[in-house]
Amino acid sequence: MSPRKMRLIVDLIRGRGVNEAYSILKFSKKAATTPVEKTLRSAVANATQKAEAAGSFLDVDDLVVREAYVNEGRTLKRFSPRAMGRATPILKRTSHVTIIVDRKE
């Protein structure tokens, strides 16, 4: 998925509570919501796991999306055959999604 399409979704959830972000992603029609939601669930699971390892309790309702950004990943270059022996490039863009969750202040 191209970074430009992913940024449209990531911009919607930045700075919001985790539960609110889940509901925004649930009702969005964009295809980019699936990998963003998967990354958000992973970030929440990592936060709760770290809290349990430290011996403290972490409520999911207290979490906020502190940072969320999309960087451009590797581009796969393919070629499509055209008329008269020519070929035009097809760029299959990928992206890296980073979501950081933290407790409300």
C-alpha atoms as a PDB file:
ATOM      1  CA  MET A   1       0.000   0.000   0.000  1.00  0.00           C
ATOM      2  CA  SER A   2       1.400   3.388  -0.912  1.00  0.00           C
ATOM      3  CA  PRO A   3       2.430   5.766   1.879  1.00  0.00           C
ATOM      4  CA  ARG A   4       0.153   8.488   0.547  1.00  0.00           C
ATOM      5  CA  LYS A   5      -2.934   6.298   0.997  1.00  0.00           C
ATOM      6  CA  MET A   6      -1.810   5.119   4.436  1.00  0.00           C
ATOM      7  CA  ARG A   7      -1.184   8.678   5.669  1.00  0.00           C
ATOM      8  CA  LEU A   8      -4.837   9.560   5.033  1.00  0.00           C
ATOM      9  CA  ILE A   9      -5.864   6.998   7.661  1.00  0.00           C
ATOM     10  CA  VAL A  10      -3.000   7.554  10.099  1.00  0.00           C
ATOM     11  CA  ASP A  11      -3.765  11.292  10.212  1.00  0.00           C
ATOM     12  CA  LEU A  12      -7.288  10.460  11.430  1.00  0.00           C
ATOM     13  CA  ILE A  13      -6.159   8.549  14.534  1.00  0.00           C
ATOM     14  CA  ARG A  14      -3.129  10.590  15.641  1.00  0.00           C
ATOM     15  CA  GLY A  15      -3.660  12.104  19.104  1.00  0.00           C
ATOM     16  CA  ARG A  16      -6.890  10.219  19.818  1.00  0.00           C
ATOM     17  CA  GLY A  17      -7.740   7.639  22.444  1.00  0.00           C
ATOM     18  CA  VAL A  18      -7.234   4.015  21.473  1.00  0.00           C
ATOM     19  CA  ASN A  19     -10.938   3.124  21.660  1.00  0.00           C
ATOM     20  CA  GLU A  20     -11.847   6.156  19.553  1.00  0.00           C
ATOM     21  CA  ALA A  21      -9.148   5.186  17.041  1.00  0.00           C
ATOM     22  CA  TYR A  22     -10.586   1.660  16.820  1.00  0.00           C
ATOM     23  CA  SER A  23     -14.051   3.018  16.055  1.00  0.00           C
ATOM     24  CA  ILE A  24     -12.685   5.408  13.408  1.00  0.00           C
ATOM     25  CA  LEU A  25     -10.847   2.550  11.726  1.00  0.00           C
ATOM     26  CA  LYS A  26     -13.868   0.259  11.962  1.00  0.00           C
ATOM     27  CA  PHE A  27     -16.153   2.625  10.060  1.00  0.00           C
ATOM     28  CA  SER A  28     -13.658   3.821   7.470  1.00  0.00           C
ATOM     29  CA  LYS A  29     -14.067   2.402   3.969  1.00  0.00           C
ATOM     30  CA  LYS A  30     -10.432   2.737   2.919  1.00  0.00           C
ATOM     31  CA  ALA A  31      -8.362  -0.392   2.305  1.00  0.00           C
ATOM     32  CA  ALA A  32      -5.472   1.087   4.298  1.00  0.00           C
ATOM     33  CA  THR A  33      -7.416   0.686   7.548  1.00  0.00           C
ATOM     34  CA  THR A  34      -6.597  -3.032   7.796  1.00  0.00           C
ATOM     35  CA  PRO A  35      -2.799  -2.739   8.184  1.00  0.00           C
ATOM     36  CA  VAL A  36      -3.141   0.386  10.355  1.00  0.00           C
ATOM     37  CA  GLU A  37      -5.598  -1.366  12.684  1.00  0.00           C
ATOM     38  CA  LYS A  38      -3.315  -4.393  12.853  1.00  0.00           C
ATOM     39  CA  THR A  39      -0.385  -2.157  13.822  1.00  0.00           C
ATOM     40  CA  LEU A  40      -2.493  -0.350  16.432  1.00  0.00           C
ATOM     41  CA  ARG A  41      -3.570  -3.656  18.010  1.00  0.00           C
ATOM     42  CA  SER A  42       0.068  -4.741  18.117  1.00  0.00           C
ATOM     43  CA  ALA A  43       1.097  -1.477  19.812  1.00  0.00           C
ATOM     44  CA  VAL A  44      -1.621  -1.873  22.465  1.00  0.00           C
ATOM     45  CA  ALA A  45      -0.640  -5.504  23.063  1.00  0.00           C
ATOM     46  CA  ASN A  46       3.012  -4.495  23.434  1.00  0.00           C
ATOM     47  CA  ALA A  47       2.102  -1.759  25.930  1.00  0.00           C
ATOM     48  CA  THR A  48       0.013  -4.100  28.083  1.00  0.00           C
ATOM     49  CA  GLN A  49       2.700  -6.791  27.928  1.00  0.00           C
ATOM     50  CA  LYS A  50       5.391  -4.339  29.049  1.00  0.00           C
ATOM     51  CA  ALA A  51       3.165  -3.112  31.873  1.00  0.00           C
ATOM     52  CA  GLU A  52       2.537  -6.669  33.082  1.00  0.00           C
ATOM     53  CA  ALA A  53       6.258  -7.430  32.935  1.00  0.00           C
ATOM     54  CA  ALA A  54       6.917  -4.346  35.067  1.00  0.00           C
ATOM     55  CA  GLY A  55       4.276  -5.506  37.553  1.00  0.00           C
ATOM     56  CA  SER A  56       1.749  -2.727  36.974  1.00  0.00           C
ATOM     57  CA  PHE A  57      -1.776  -2.708  35.570  1.00  0.00           C
ATOM     58  CA  LEU A  58      -2.567  -0.890  32.331  1.00  0.00           C
ATOM     59  CA  ASP A  59      -6.128  -0.120  31.295  1.00  0.00           C
ATOM     60  CA  VAL A  60      -6.669   0.113  27.536  1.00  0.00           C
ATOM     61  CA  ASP A  61      -9.067   3.037  28.076  1.00  0.00           C
ATOM     62  CA  ASP A  62      -6.136   5.094  29.410  1.00  0.00           C
ATOM     63  CA  LEU A  63      -4.068   4.737  26.239  1.00  0.00           C
ATOM     64  CA  VAL A  64      -3.667   7.492  23.641  1.00  0.00           C
ATOM     65  CA  VAL A  65      -2.041   7.358  20.201  1.00  0.00           C
ATOM     66  CA  ARG A  66       0.966   9.590  20.970  1.00  0.00           C
ATOM     67  CA  GLU A  67       2.741   9.294  17.620  1.00  0.00           C
ATOM     68  CA  ALA A  68       1.620   7.808  14.346  1.00  0.00           C
ATOM     69  CA  TYR A  69       3.464   8.220  11.102  1.00  0.00           C
ATOM     70  CA  VAL A  70       4.064   6.477   7.801  1.00  0.00           C
ATOM     71  CA  ASN A  71       7.422   6.312   6.055  1.00  0.00           C
ATOM     72  CA  GLU A  72       8.069   5.185   2.537  1.00  0.00           C
ATOM     73  CA  GLY A  73       9.258   1.614   2.231  1.00  0.00           C
ATOM     74  CA  ARG A  74      10.957  -0.197  -0.579  1.00  0.00           C
ATOM     75  CA  THR A  75       9.502   0.236  -4.077  1.00  0.00           C
ATOM     76  CA  LEU A  76       9.090  -2.843  -6.250  1.00  0.00           C
ATOM     77  CA  LYS A  77       9.693  -1.990  -9.900  1.00  0.00           C
ATOM     78  CA  ARG A  78       7.714  -3.910 -12.499  1.00  0.00           C
ATOM     79  CA  PHE A  79       7.236  -3.288 -16.196  1.00  0.00           C
ATOM     80  CA  SER A  80       4.126  -3.391 -18.319  1.00  0.00           C
ATOM     81  CA  PRO A  81       4.546  -4.182 -22.015  1.00  0.00           C
ATOM     82  CA  ARG A  82       3.301  -1.501 -24.393  1.00  0.00           C
ATOM     83  CA  ALA A  83       2.985  -1.076 -28.136  1.00  0.00           C
ATOM     84  CA  MET A  84       5.962  -1.207 -30.526  1.00  0.00           C
ATOM     85  CA  GLY A  85       8.246  -3.083 -28.137  1.00  0.00           C
ATOM     86  CA  ARG A  86       8.174  -0.451 -25.419  1.00  0.00           C
ATOM     87  CA  ALA A  87       7.608  -0.969 -21.724  1.00  0.00           C
ATOM     88  CA  THR A  88       6.382   1.410 -19.029  1.00  0.00           C
ATOM     89  CA  PRO A  89       7.336   1.115 -15.376  1.00  0.00           C
ATOM     90  CA  ILE A  90       4.879   0.133 -12.667  1.00  0.00           C
ATOM     91  CA  LEU A  91       5.954   1.209  -9.185  1.00  0.00           C
ATOM     92  CA  LYS A  92       4.520  -0.957  -6.417  1.00  0.00           C
ATOM     93  CA  ARG A  93       5.052   1.237  -3.386  1.00  0.00           C
ATOM     94  CA  THR A  94       5.291  -0.072   0.160  1.00  0.00           C
ATOM     95  CA  SER A  95       5.242   1.732   3.488  1.00  0.00           C
ATOM     96  CA  HIS A  96       6.362   1.434   7.097  1.00  0.00           C
ATOM     97  CA  VAL A  97       3.719   2.297   9.710  1.00  0.00           C
ATOM     98  CA  THR A  98       4.823   3.356  13.203  1.00  0.00           C
ATOM     99  CA  ILE A  99       2.297   3.833  16.016  1.00  0.00           C
ATOM    100  CA  ILE A 100       3.343   4.769  19.556  1.00  0.00           C
ATOM    101  CA  VAL A 101       0.775   4.585  22.360  1.00  0.00           C
ATOM    102  CA  ASP A 102       1.159   6.085  25.820  1.00  0.00           C
ATOM    103  CA  ARG A 103      -0.932   6.757  28.925  1.00  0.00           C
ATOM    104  CA  LYS A 104      -3.124   9.844  29.112  1.00  0.00           C
ATOM    105  CA  GLU A 105      -1.548  12.715  30.987  1.00  0.00           C
END
